[in-house]
Protein backbone atom coordinates (compact mmCIF):
# COMPACT_ATOMS: atom_id res chain seq x y z
CA UNK A 1 -108.61 -34.15 -72.77
CA UNK A 2 -109.82 -33.22 -76.23
CA UNK A 3 -110.89 -35.66 -78.92
CA UNK A 4 -109.92 -33.88 -81.82
CA UNK A 5 -111.57 -30.47 -81.34
CA UNK A 6 -113.92 -31.58 -79.02
CA UNK A 7 -113.75 -31.38 -75.16
CA UNK A 8 -114.58 -34.39 -74.21
CA UNK A 9 -113.71 -34.91 -70.58
CA UNK A 10 -111.62 -32.58 -67.49
CA UNK A 11 -108.92 -33.59 -64.52
CA UNK A 12 -108.95 -31.31 -61.84
CA UNK A 13 -107.38 -32.07 -58.41
CA UNK A 14 -109.24 -31.10 -55.50
CA UNK A 15 -109.95 -27.59 -53.76
CA UNK A 16 -106.97 -27.25 -50.56
CA UNK A 17 -110.34 -25.85 -48.54
CA UNK A 18 -111.83 -29.30 -48.85
CA UNK A 19 -109.18 -31.03 -46.98
CA UNK A 20 -108.71 -34.81 -47.72
CA UNK A 21 -111.14 -35.62 -51.17
CA UNK A 22 -110.70 -38.92 -52.77
CA UNK A 23 -110.32 -39.55 -56.37
CA UNK A 24 -112.94 -39.88 -58.04
CA UNK A 25 -114.96 -39.63 -61.13
CA UNK A 26 -118.08 -37.46 -62.42
CA UNK A 27 -120.04 -37.49 -65.32
CA UNK A 28 -121.25 -33.73 -66.45
CA UNK A 29 -124.62 -32.61 -68.53
CA UNK A 30 -123.76 -29.61 -70.69
CA UNK A 31 -126.24 -27.14 -70.01
CA UNK A 32 -127.37 -24.37 -72.21
CA UNK A 33 -127.99 -21.13 -68.61
CA UNK A 34 -126.25 -22.92 -65.19
CA UNK A 35 -128.44 -20.87 -63.07
CA UNK A 36 -131.24 -21.92 -63.96
CA UNK A 37 -130.74 -24.95 -64.51
CA UNK A 38 -129.30 -25.32 -61.14
CA UNK A 39 -132.18 -23.91 -59.39
CA UNK A 40 -134.67 -26.12 -61.64
CA UNK A 41 -133.33 -29.13 -59.51
CA UNK A 42 -132.60 -26.90 -56.36
CA UNK A 43 -137.16 -26.71 -57.04
CA UNK A 44 -137.17 -30.61 -57.90
CA UNK A 45 -134.86 -31.54 -54.19
CA UNK A 46 -131.28 -31.50 -55.39
CA UNK A 47 -128.49 -30.12 -52.92
CA UNK A 48 -125.99 -28.40 -54.63
CA UNK A 49 -122.08 -29.65 -53.45
CA UNK A 50 -120.86 -27.25 -55.13
CA UNK A 51 -121.52 -23.81 -56.10
CA UNK A 52 -120.77 -22.31 -59.76
CA UNK A 53 -117.24 -21.57 -60.34
CA UNK A 54 -116.14 -20.49 -63.29
CA UNK A 55 -112.93 -21.78 -65.09
CA UNK A 56 -111.26 -18.63 -67.33
CA UNK A 57 -112.31 -18.27 -70.10
CA UNK A 58 -114.02 -22.75 -70.67
CA UNK A 59 -117.26 -22.10 -68.95
CA UNK A 60 -118.52 -22.41 -65.81
CA UNK A 61 -119.91 -26.00 -63.52
CA UNK A 62 -121.52 -26.52 -60.58
CA UNK A 63 -122.18 -30.02 -58.80
CA UNK A 64 -125.59 -31.39 -57.48
CA UNK A 65 -126.62 -34.23 -55.34
CA UNK A 66 -130.46 -35.84 -56.79
CA UNK A 67 -132.63 -36.72 -53.15
CA UNK A 68 -131.41 -40.06 -53.23
CA UNK A 69 -127.53 -38.74 -52.64
CA UNK A 70 -126.28 -39.52 -56.99
CA UNK A 71 -123.88 -36.65 -57.76
CA UNK A 72 -123.89 -35.04 -61.03
CA UNK A 73 -122.21 -31.69 -62.42
CA UNK A 74 -123.32 -29.41 -64.94
CA UNK A 75 -121.39 -27.31 -67.63
CA UNK A 76 -121.16 -24.24 -68.99
CA UNK A 77 -119.07 -23.31 -71.46
CA UNK A 78 -117.78 -19.50 -72.08
CA UNK A 79 -119.41 -17.60 -74.63
């Protein structure tokens, strides 16, 4: 979803290999270096729920859960 020329939200079908995944929303934080951010989050106790995935021409994202179980995702725009 776009606001003019700026991407502000997205939607995707759950991966077929994940079974029945309930419909949900997740917040994304844009980052400069996805791999570095994921590594730091894991160092601080986060659980990697979804390893980095590339969307050709758009960027990469990954999902984590903090030590209390709250989920969030990181997004690195394509360079």
